[in-house]
């Protein structure tokens, strides 16, 4: 199997002349030039994709086939049972399974069998006006994410549907069994009542609704964050579509979203925070909605989404190079912050909220936007910090200054890595998702332009 060769190649490339692995900075990029460096990168990309894919394949919750919220290699689960199913993380994992097929880790038939189990589970799981909850038990019943968050979660549902529609396109023209799966996915997609989540017709989408607490979570989603895909899918729905005004007045905050700023010499393109002056958010904002939604050439009345995401990633990179708080390790090789595990619990890391914690998914999932900067981080991890890498890839977060890490993973952080790397390498998921006719109609309805929407204009 190719993976065995990958491991041998990695070992050959990272061992120094004396046969010892060093934690000092070897001059790896000066020792390995040209074709050799390119080969080393390809080997590392293959290994990284395999490891992170396997979180969702081997590490999946066995009854549903969906993603566990977290996997702790130390076996310690202080707050939640290890078999809690994450809806959004499962959407990412559904896409990661296709990486396994395309890269030869599993067969197409193996993937189909897993998808059939997943779809059967989702058909019978709890739904709330078509939306799945944030967390589910292996029984398919909701389990509360927080006290009042025990109903539908529209953002997590959007991440799940993004993955499902990608799989649908992949199998649309397959054999009879594959087409039957695609039809079942279409039915699930059509069952999400996006328009109902406008809370009696307001011009904004609400994140949560619970049969017990109603709208008490009170989270209208407006201004830029990770949830653009929710508005795109809500407009794209063939059965429960929202009006364009919901996007413009809710997400766009009546144009206020365009009030960007400049940080580290780069325009943020959109206003990242509606209610404060923070210039940029955590890097997962540049990943979650764009696993399927192709930002290349994507523009609307509010902004240029490639510029938005590329500048977002570059700002994080430049911040780490500048390292205003002088944290150990920060620099060209070690950068990227997002919401992840932290020294004390879970935290949202970003410039302006920097605890000295680096989250590998931040730089690695930014590969399409910052390929050279992201590869530097990848080399740093695999060549110099292999103790921070486990069975399912780099651990969730670490702090060199505090000499801290835990051998633990989160689905929402591991999932974007193999998918965004595949988008960098082949554009697979961007091609599949953007080919969906419903998605193209939704983008057109909202006023988007994209070179990847040509078929919708024919």
Protein backbone atom coordinates (compact mmCIF):
# COMPACT_ATOMS: atom_id res chain seq x y z
CA UNK A 1 0.00 0.00 0.00
CA UNK A 2 1.16 3.50 -0.83
CA UNK A 3 1.00 4.57 2.81
CA UNK A 4 3.80 2.18 3.76
CA UNK A 5 6.00 3.85 1.17
CA UNK A 6 4.95 7.22 2.54
CA UNK A 7 6.14 6.28 6.01
CA UNK A 8 9.47 5.07 4.68
CA UNK A 9 9.92 8.23 2.68
CA UNK A 10 9.07 10.42 5.65
CA UNK A 11 11.61 8.58 7.78
CA UNK A 12 14.28 9.01 5.12
CA UNK A 13 13.60 12.70 4.65
CA UNK A 14 13.53 13.74 8.28
CA UNK A 15 16.47 11.85 9.77
CA UNK A 16 19.64 13.90 9.99
CA UNK A 17 23.14 12.80 9.04
CA UNK A 18 23.78 11.32 12.47
CA UNK A 19 20.59 9.30 12.40
CA UNK A 20 19.01 11.34 15.20
CA UNK A 21 15.81 13.36 15.05
CA UNK A 22 16.51 16.83 16.41
CA UNK A 23 14.23 19.39 17.95
CA UNK A 24 16.62 22.13 16.90
CA UNK A 25 15.85 23.78 13.60
CA UNK A 26 17.62 21.66 10.98
CA UNK A 27 18.24 23.52 7.77
CA UNK A 28 15.74 21.23 6.08
CA UNK A 29 14.79 23.70 3.43
CA UNK A 30 18.45 24.28 2.55
CA UNK A 31 19.33 20.58 2.65
CA UNK A 32 16.44 19.55 0.46
CA UNK A 33 16.12 21.55 -2.73
CA UNK A 34 14.07 21.59 -5.92
CA UNK A 35 12.52 18.28 -6.85
CA UNK A 36 13.54 16.72 -3.55
CA UNK A 37 11.68 19.36 -1.54
CA UNK A 38 8.64 18.99 -3.77
CA UNK A 39 8.71 15.22 -3.22
CA UNK A 40 9.03 15.70 0.52
CA UNK A 41 6.01 17.99 0.47
CA UNK A 42 3.96 15.49 -1.51
CA UNK A 43 4.87 12.73 0.92
CA UNK A 44 3.88 14.86 3.89
CA UNK A 45 0.62 15.93 2.24
CA UNK A 46 -0.23 12.27 1.56
CA UNK A 47 0.55 11.32 5.14
CA UNK A 48 -1.35 14.25 6.60
CA UNK A 49 -4.43 13.55 4.52
CA UNK A 50 -4.35 9.86 5.40
CA UNK A 51 -4.04 10.49 9.13
CA UNK A 52 -6.80 13.09 9.29
CA UNK A 53 -9.09 11.10 6.99
CA UNK A 54 -8.72 8.19 9.36
CA UNK A 55 -10.22 10.19 12.23
CA UNK A 56 -13.50 9.94 10.32
CA UNK A 57 -13.01 6.43 8.99
CA UNK A 58 -11.50 4.26 11.69
CA UNK A 59 -12.35 6.70 14.47
CA UNK A 60 -16.03 7.13 13.54
CA UNK A 61 -18.84 6.44 15.99
CA UNK A 62 -19.62 2.82 15.04
CA UNK A 63 -23.43 2.81 15.06
CA UNK A 64 -24.01 5.85 12.87
CA UNK A 65 -20.74 5.96 10.95
CA UNK A 66 -20.66 9.69 11.71
CA UNK A 67 -17.94 11.67 13.46
CA UNK A 68 -17.30 11.60 17.15
CA UNK A 69 -17.18 15.11 18.60
CA UNK A 70 -13.76 14.38 20.06
CA UNK A 71 -11.23 11.60 20.35
CA UNK A 72 -8.89 11.70 23.34
CA UNK A 73 -5.93 9.39 22.91
CA UNK A 74 -5.29 9.60 26.67
CA UNK A 75 -8.74 8.09 27.26
CA UNK A 76 -9.82 10.93 29.54
CA UNK A 77 -13.26 12.37 28.82
CA UNK A 78 -14.02 14.71 31.71
CA UNK A 79 -17.13 16.34 30.25
CA UNK A 80 -18.67 14.23 27.51
CA UNK A 81 -18.94 10.62 26.54
CA UNK A 82 -16.60 9.63 23.73
CA UNK A 83 -19.47 8.57 21.47
CA UNK A 84 -21.19 11.96 21.22
CA UNK A 85 -21.87 12.61 17.51
CA UNK A 86 -21.18 16.05 16.08
CA UNK A 87 -23.41 17.24 13.25
CA UNK A 88 -21.11 19.87 11.74
CA UNK A 89 -17.99 17.78 12.20
CA UNK A 90 -19.80 14.91 10.51
CA UNK A 91 -20.39 17.12 7.49
CA UNK A 92 -16.65 17.65 7.26
CA UNK A 93 -16.02 13.95 7.82
CA UNK A 94 -18.44 12.94 5.08
CA UNK A 95 -16.27 14.94 2.69
CA UNK A 96 -13.04 13.54 4.16
CA UNK A 97 -14.21 10.03 3.29
CA UNK A 98 -14.11 11.02 -0.39
CA UNK A 99 -10.45 11.96 0.11
CA UNK A 100 -9.98 8.34 1.11
CA UNK A 101 -11.53 7.14 -2.13
CA UNK A 102 -9.65 9.55 -4.38
CA UNK A 103 -6.30 8.92 -2.68
CA UNK A 104 -6.72 5.14 -2.63
CA UNK A 105 -7.05 4.64 1.13
CA UNK A 106 -10.44 2.92 0.72
CA UNK A 107 -12.52 1.72 -2.21
CA UNK A 108 -15.54 3.46 -3.69
CA UNK A 109 -17.70 0.54 -2.51
CA UNK A 110 -16.41 0.86 1.06
CA UNK A 111 -17.31 4.53 1.04
CA UNK A 112 -20.74 3.77 -0.38
CA UNK A 113 -21.42 1.26 2.39
CA UNK A 114 -20.45 3.84 5.02
CA UNK A 115 -22.61 6.51 3.40
CA UNK A 116 -25.60 4.19 3.33
CA UNK A 117 -25.22 3.64 7.08
CA UNK A 118 -24.90 7.39 7.63
CA UNK A 119 -27.96 8.26 5.56
CA UNK A 120 -30.08 5.59 7.25
CA UNK A 121 -29.07 7.07 10.60
CA UNK A 122 -29.83 10.65 9.58
CA UNK A 123 -33.23 9.67 8.19
CA UNK A 124 -34.25 8.40 11.62
CA UNK A 125 -32.42 10.88 13.86
CA UNK A 126 -34.08 13.75 15.71
CA UNK A 127 -34.83 16.78 13.56
CA UNK A 128 -36.44 20.08 14.42
CA UNK A 129 -38.24 21.65 11.47
CA UNK A 130 -35.78 19.71 9.35
CA UNK A 131 -32.62 20.81 11.16
CA UNK A 132 -30.49 18.36 13.07
CA UNK A 133 -29.20 19.21 16.56
CA UNK A 134 -25.61 20.16 17.33
CA UNK A 135 -25.02 16.85 19.13
CA UNK A 136 -26.64 13.44 18.88
CA UNK A 137 -26.38 10.16 20.72
CA UNK A 138 -25.80 6.85 18.89
CA UNK A 139 -29.55 6.31 19.30
CA UNK A 140 -30.18 9.32 17.07
CA UNK A 141 -31.64 11.31 19.94
CA UNK A 142 -30.57 14.86 20.66
CA UNK A 143 -28.27 15.55 23.58
CA UNK A 144 -27.94 19.15 24.71
CA UNK A 145 -24.91 21.16 23.62
CA UNK A 146 -25.80 23.65 26.34
CA UNK A 147 -28.83 24.02 28.58
CA UNK A 148 -31.16 25.60 26.03
CA UNK A 149 -29.41 24.24 22.94
CA UNK A 150 -31.35 21.00 22.73
CA UNK A 151 -33.12 21.45 19.42
CA UNK A 152 -32.29 22.41 15.86
CA UNK A 153 -28.91 23.96 15.04
CA UNK A 154 -29.10 25.56 11.61
CA UNK A 155 -25.39 26.36 11.26
CA UNK A 156 -24.30 22.82 12.11
CA UNK A 157 -27.01 21.53 9.79
CA UNK A 158 -25.58 23.70 6.99
CA UNK A 159 -22.14 22.16 7.47
CA UNK A 160 -23.70 18.70 7.34
CA UNK A 161 -25.73 19.49 4.21
CA UNK A 162 -22.66 20.94 2.49
CA UNK A 163 -21.02 17.54 2.90
CA UNK A 164 -24.13 15.62 1.86
CA UNK A 165 -24.59 17.60 -1.35
CA UNK A 166 -20.96 17.03 -2.26
CA UNK A 167 -21.46 13.28 -1.88
CA UNK A 168 -24.68 13.49 -3.88
CA UNK A 169 -22.83 15.01 -6.83
CA UNK A 170 -20.10 12.38 -6.55
CA UNK A 171 -22.62 9.53 -6.91
CA UNK A 172 -25.29 11.22 -9.07
CA UNK A 173 -24.31 9.44 -12.27
CA UNK A 174 -23.20 6.17 -10.73
CA UNK A 175 -24.81 2.76 -10.69
CA UNK A 176 -28.34 2.11 -9.48
CA UNK A 177 -27.28 1.72 -5.86
CA UNK A 178 -25.27 4.94 -5.94
CA UNK A 179 -28.11 6.87 -7.56
CA UNK A 180 -30.46 5.60 -4.86
CA UNK A 181 -28.12 7.07 -2.25
CA UNK A 182 -28.07 10.38 -4.12
CA UNK A 183 -31.89 10.44 -4.16
CA UNK A 184 -32.04 9.85 -0.42
CA UNK A 185 -29.65 12.74 0.14
CA UNK A 186 -31.85 14.99 -2.00
CA UNK A 187 -34.83 14.12 0.18
CA UNK A 188 -32.93 14.95 3.38
CA UNK A 189 -31.79 18.25 1.87
CA UNK A 190 -35.32 19.16 0.85
CA UNK A 191 -36.54 18.46 4.38
CA UNK A 192 -34.60 21.30 6.01
CA UNK A 193 -37.00 24.20 6.70
CA UNK A 194 -34.52 27.05 6.27
CA UNK A 195 -37.27 29.66 5.91
CA UNK A 196 -38.85 28.62 9.21
CA UNK A 197 -35.64 29.67 10.99
CA UNK A 198 -36.36 33.30 10.11
CA UNK A 199 -38.47 33.35 13.28
CA UNK A 200 -41.85 34.26 11.87
CA UNK A 201 -40.52 36.01 8.80
CA UNK A 202 -37.76 38.29 10.08
CA UNK A 203 -35.04 39.29 7.62
CA UNK A 204 -32.37 37.19 9.32
CA UNK A 205 -31.71 33.50 10.00
CA UNK A 206 -31.63 32.30 13.59
CA UNK A 207 -29.06 29.74 14.69
CA UNK A 208 -31.18 27.72 17.16
CA UNK A 209 -34.68 26.60 17.95
CA UNK A 210 -35.79 24.17 20.65
CA UNK A 211 -39.24 22.63 21.23
CA UNK A 212 -38.63 23.16 24.94
CA UNK A 213 -37.13 26.67 24.89
CA UNK A 214 -38.35 28.04 21.58
CA UNK A 215 -36.19 30.94 20.36
CA UNK A 216 -34.67 31.68 23.79
CA UNK A 217 -31.12 31.11 22.53
CA UNK A 218 -31.81 34.30 20.53
CA UNK A 219 -28.89 34.14 18.10
CA UNK A 220 -29.67 35.94 14.84
CA UNK A 221 -26.74 35.30 12.50
CA UNK A 222 -25.58 38.59 11.01
CA UNK A 223 -22.23 40.02 10.07
CA UNK A 224 -19.27 38.00 8.88
CA UNK A 225 -18.35 34.72 10.60
CA UNK A 226 -18.19 31.03 9.65
CA UNK A 227 -21.83 30.78 8.56
CA UNK A 228 -21.95 32.08 4.96
CA UNK A 229 -22.76 28.55 3.78
CA UNK A 230 -25.96 28.62 5.83
CA UNK A 231 -27.30 31.61 3.91
CA UNK A 232 -26.23 30.17 0.56
CA UNK A 233 -27.99 26.87 1.25
CA UNK A 234 -31.06 28.64 2.64
CA UNK A 235 -31.36 30.54 -0.64
CA UNK A 236 -30.61 27.38 -2.65
CA UNK A 237 -33.28 25.19 -1.05
CA UNK A 238 -35.78 23.92 -3.64
CA UNK A 239 -38.46 23.58 -0.95
CA UNK A 240 -37.85 26.11 1.85
CA UNK A 241 -35.89 28.97 0.31
CA UNK A 242 -35.34 32.36 1.92
CA UNK A 243 -35.77 35.71 0.18
CA UNK A 244 -32.73 37.70 -0.88
CA UNK A 245 -33.62 40.36 1.70
CA UNK A 246 -32.84 37.88 4.48
CA UNK A 247 -29.30 37.67 3.17
CA UNK A 248 -28.90 41.39 2.58
CA UNK A 249 -30.45 42.64 5.81
CA UNK A 250 -29.56 39.71 8.05
CA UNK A 251 -26.14 38.45 6.99
CA UNK A 252 -25.14 41.73 5.34
CA UNK A 253 -26.53 43.84 8.22
CA UNK A 254 -27.94 46.30 5.67
CA UNK A 255 -24.51 46.85 4.16
CA UNK A 256 -22.64 47.27 7.45
CA UNK A 257 -20.73 44.06 6.71
CA UNK A 258 -18.70 45.94 4.08
CA UNK A 259 -17.07 48.26 6.63
CA UNK A 260 -13.70 46.53 6.58
CA UNK A 261 -10.37 47.59 7.98
CA UNK A 262 -6.67 47.18 7.20
CA UNK A 263 -4.49 45.07 9.47
CA UNK A 264 -0.85 44.12 8.92
CA UNK A 265 -1.05 45.92 5.60
CA UNK A 266 -3.93 43.82 4.27
CA UNK A 267 -7.59 44.68 3.75
CA UNK A 268 -9.94 42.43 5.68
CA UNK A 269 -12.51 42.89 2.88
CA UNK A 270 -15.48 42.46 5.24
CA UNK A 271 -16.16 43.57 8.81
CA UNK A 272 -15.31 40.49 10.86
CA UNK A 273 -17.07 41.64 14.02
CA UNK A 274 -20.39 43.41 14.09
CA UNK A 275 -20.20 44.51 17.72
CA UNK A 276 -16.51 45.30 18.39
CA UNK A 277 -13.38 46.57 16.70
CA UNK A 278 -11.46 43.27 16.47
CA UNK A 279 -9.96 43.21 12.96
CA UNK A 280 -10.02 39.46 12.20
CA UNK A 281 -11.61 36.33 13.55
CA UNK A 282 -10.18 32.86 14.15
CA UNK A 283 -9.11 31.08 11.00
CA UNK A 284 -11.91 28.53 10.95
CA UNK A 285 -14.01 31.32 9.47
CA UNK A 286 -11.95 30.92 6.29
CA UNK A 287 -12.50 27.16 6.19
CA UNK A 288 -15.91 25.85 7.27
CA UNK A 289 -18.08 27.53 4.62
CA UNK A 290 -15.48 27.05 1.90
CA UNK A 291 -14.95 23.31 2.06
CA UNK A 292 -17.43 23.09 -0.81
CA UNK A 293 -18.17 26.71 -1.68
CA UNK A 294 -15.35 27.74 -4.02
CA UNK A 295 -14.09 31.22 -3.14
CA UNK A 296 -11.97 31.51 -6.30
CA UNK A 297 -13.57 34.26 -8.34
CA UNK A 298 -16.58 34.33 -5.99
CA UNK A 299 -17.94 37.86 -5.56
CA UNK A 300 -21.15 39.57 -4.58
CA UNK A 301 -22.28 43.06 -3.63
CA UNK A 302 -20.42 42.74 -0.33
CA UNK A 303 -17.00 41.47 -1.30
CA UNK A 304 -14.44 39.31 -3.06
CA UNK A 305 -14.32 36.02 -1.17
CA UNK A 306 -10.91 34.86 -2.37
CA UNK A 307 -9.37 38.14 -1.23
CA UNK A 308 -11.28 37.85 2.04
CA UNK A 309 -9.94 34.40 2.88
CA UNK A 310 -6.43 34.79 1.53
CA UNK A 311 -5.92 38.03 3.42
CA UNK A 312 -7.41 36.47 6.55
CA UNK A 313 -4.82 33.68 6.45
CA UNK A 314 -1.96 36.05 5.58
CA UNK A 315 -2.86 38.35 8.46
CA UNK A 316 -2.52 35.42 10.87
CA UNK A 317 0.81 34.54 9.27
CA UNK A 318 2.16 38.09 9.45
CA UNK A 319 0.97 38.40 13.04
CA UNK A 320 2.92 35.29 14.03
CA UNK A 321 6.04 36.57 12.26
CA UNK A 322 5.69 39.91 14.04
CA UNK A 323 4.90 38.08 17.31
CA UNK A 324 3.98 41.16 19.35
CA UNK A 325 3.64 39.16 22.57
CA UNK A 326 6.98 37.40 22.00
CA UNK A 327 5.63 33.91 22.40
CA UNK A 328 8.17 31.13 22.00
CA UNK A 329 8.10 29.41 18.62
CA UNK A 330 5.98 31.92 16.72
CA UNK A 331 7.36 32.79 13.30
CA UNK A 332 7.41 31.84 9.63
CA UNK A 333 7.30 28.13 10.45
CA UNK A 334 4.84 28.22 13.34
CA UNK A 335 1.64 30.20 12.95
CA UNK A 336 -2.14 30.03 12.85
CA UNK A 337 -4.83 30.45 15.48
CA UNK A 338 -8.41 29.30 15.66
CA UNK A 339 -10.94 28.05 18.19
CA UNK A 340 -9.53 24.89 19.74
CA UNK A 341 -8.44 23.25 22.93
CA UNK A 342 -6.34 25.59 25.01
CA UNK A 343 -4.23 25.64 28.14
CA UNK A 344 -7.37 26.02 30.21
CA UNK A 345 -10.29 24.37 28.45
CA UNK A 346 -11.52 25.54 25.06
CA UNK A 347 -10.83 29.01 23.67
CA UNK A 348 -11.14 31.15 20.57
CA UNK A 349 -7.63 32.15 19.51
CA UNK A 350 -6.92 35.02 17.12
CA UNK A 351 -4.87 38.20 16.93
CA UNK A 352 -6.15 40.26 19.83
CA UNK A 353 -7.11 37.12 21.76
CA UNK A 354 -3.76 35.36 21.69
CA UNK A 355 -2.90 32.96 24.50
CA UNK A 356 0.30 31.62 22.94
CA UNK A 357 -1.56 28.60 21.57
CA UNK A 358 -1.12 27.40 17.99
CA UNK A 359 -3.84 25.22 16.43
CA UNK A 360 -2.45 23.17 13.51
CA UNK A 361 -5.73 23.15 11.60
CA UNK A 362 -5.45 26.91 11.16
CA UNK A 363 -2.38 26.91 8.92
CA UNK A 364 -2.93 23.46 7.39
CA UNK A 365 -6.53 24.09 6.33
CA UNK A 366 -5.43 27.41 4.81
CA UNK A 367 -3.32 25.53 2.23
CA UNK A 368 -5.33 26.80 -0.79
CA UNK A 369 -4.86 30.43 0.30
CA UNK A 370 -1.28 30.34 1.57
CA UNK A 371 0.39 27.25 0.07
CA UNK A 372 4.00 28.19 0.80
CA UNK A 373 3.32 29.48 4.31
CA UNK A 374 1.15 26.46 5.12
CA UNK A 375 3.77 24.03 3.82
CA UNK A 376 6.38 25.69 6.03
CA UNK A 377 4.16 24.92 9.00
CA UNK A 378 3.61 21.34 7.80
CA UNK A 379 7.38 20.78 7.48
CA UNK A 380 7.90 22.30 10.91
CA UNK A 381 5.42 19.85 12.43
CA UNK A 382 6.62 16.69 10.69
CA UNK A 383 10.35 17.50 10.72
CA UNK A 384 10.73 19.13 14.12
CA UNK A 385 7.64 18.56 16.27
CA UNK A 386 6.69 14.95 15.66
CA UNK A 387 5.83 14.50 19.33
CA UNK A 388 2.83 16.73 18.59
CA UNK A 389 1.56 14.31 15.94
CA UNK A 390 -0.44 11.19 16.69
CA UNK A 391 -2.52 8.56 14.96
CA UNK A 392 -4.99 11.03 13.47
CA UNK A 393 -2.52 13.74 12.56
CA UNK A 394 -1.34 16.78 14.52
CA UNK A 395 -2.97 17.08 17.92
CA UNK A 396 -5.56 19.80 18.31
CA UNK A 397 -3.37 22.55 19.80
CA UNK A 398 -0.07 23.26 21.51
CA UNK A 399 1.92 25.99 23.21
CA UNK A 400 5.70 25.84 22.96
CA UNK A 401 6.07 28.70 25.42
CA UNK A 402 4.02 26.93 28.07
CA UNK A 403 5.37 23.49 27.12
CA UNK A 404 1.75 22.36 26.78
CA UNK A 405 -0.23 20.01 24.58
CA UNK A 406 -2.73 17.21 25.09
CA UNK A 407 -3.02 14.13 22.84
CA UNK A 408 -6.57 14.98 21.86
CA UNK A 409 -8.54 15.70 18.72
CA UNK A 410 -11.71 17.59 17.77
CA UNK A 411 -13.69 16.66 14.66
CA UNK A 412 -14.32 20.26 13.66
CA UNK A 413 -10.56 20.90 13.62
CA UNK A 414 -9.37 17.67 11.98
CA UNK A 415 -12.09 17.66 9.30
CA UNK A 416 -11.12 20.75 7.31
CA UNK A 417 -7.49 19.59 6.97
CA UNK A 418 -7.88 16.72 4.44
CA UNK A 419 -10.69 18.50 2.60
CA UNK A 420 -8.95 21.86 2.14
CA UNK A 421 -5.68 20.16 1.24
CA UNK A 422 -7.56 18.22 -1.44
CA UNK A 423 -9.04 21.47 -2.71
CA UNK A 424 -5.49 22.79 -2.94
CA UNK A 425 -4.23 19.68 -4.74
CA UNK A 426 -7.12 18.91 -7.09
CA UNK A 427 -10.06 21.24 -6.39
CA UNK A 428 -12.21 18.14 -5.89
CA UNK A 429 -14.75 19.43 -3.38
CA UNK A 430 -15.06 22.84 -4.97
CA UNK A 431 -15.87 21.14 -8.28
CA UNK A 432 -18.41 18.77 -6.75
CA UNK A 433 -20.29 21.25 -4.58
CA UNK A 434 -20.37 24.05 -7.13
CA UNK A 435 -21.74 21.66 -9.77
CA UNK A 436 -24.96 21.19 -7.78
CA UNK A 437 -27.81 22.89 -9.65
CA UNK A 438 -29.66 23.92 -6.50
CA UNK A 439 -26.50 25.55 -5.12
CA UNK A 440 -25.94 27.48 -8.33
CA UNK A 441 -29.53 28.73 -8.31
CA UNK A 442 -29.11 29.88 -4.72
CA UNK A 443 -25.91 31.75 -5.48
CA UNK A 444 -27.55 33.48 -8.43
CA UNK A 445 -30.55 34.37 -6.31
CA UNK A 446 -28.28 36.13 -3.81
CA UNK A 447 -26.41 37.99 -6.54
CA UNK A 448 -23.13 36.07 -6.52
CA UNK A 449 -20.82 35.93 -9.50
CA UNK A 450 -18.42 33.04 -10.06
CA UNK A 451 -16.64 31.44 -13.01
CA UNK A 452 -17.86 28.14 -11.55
CA UNK A 453 -21.55 28.98 -12.12
CA UNK A 454 -21.50 28.84 -15.90
CA UNK A 455 -23.88 25.91 -16.23
CA UNK A 456 -26.50 27.82 -14.26
CA UNK A 457 -26.32 30.63 -16.79
CA UNK A 458 -26.71 28.43 -19.89
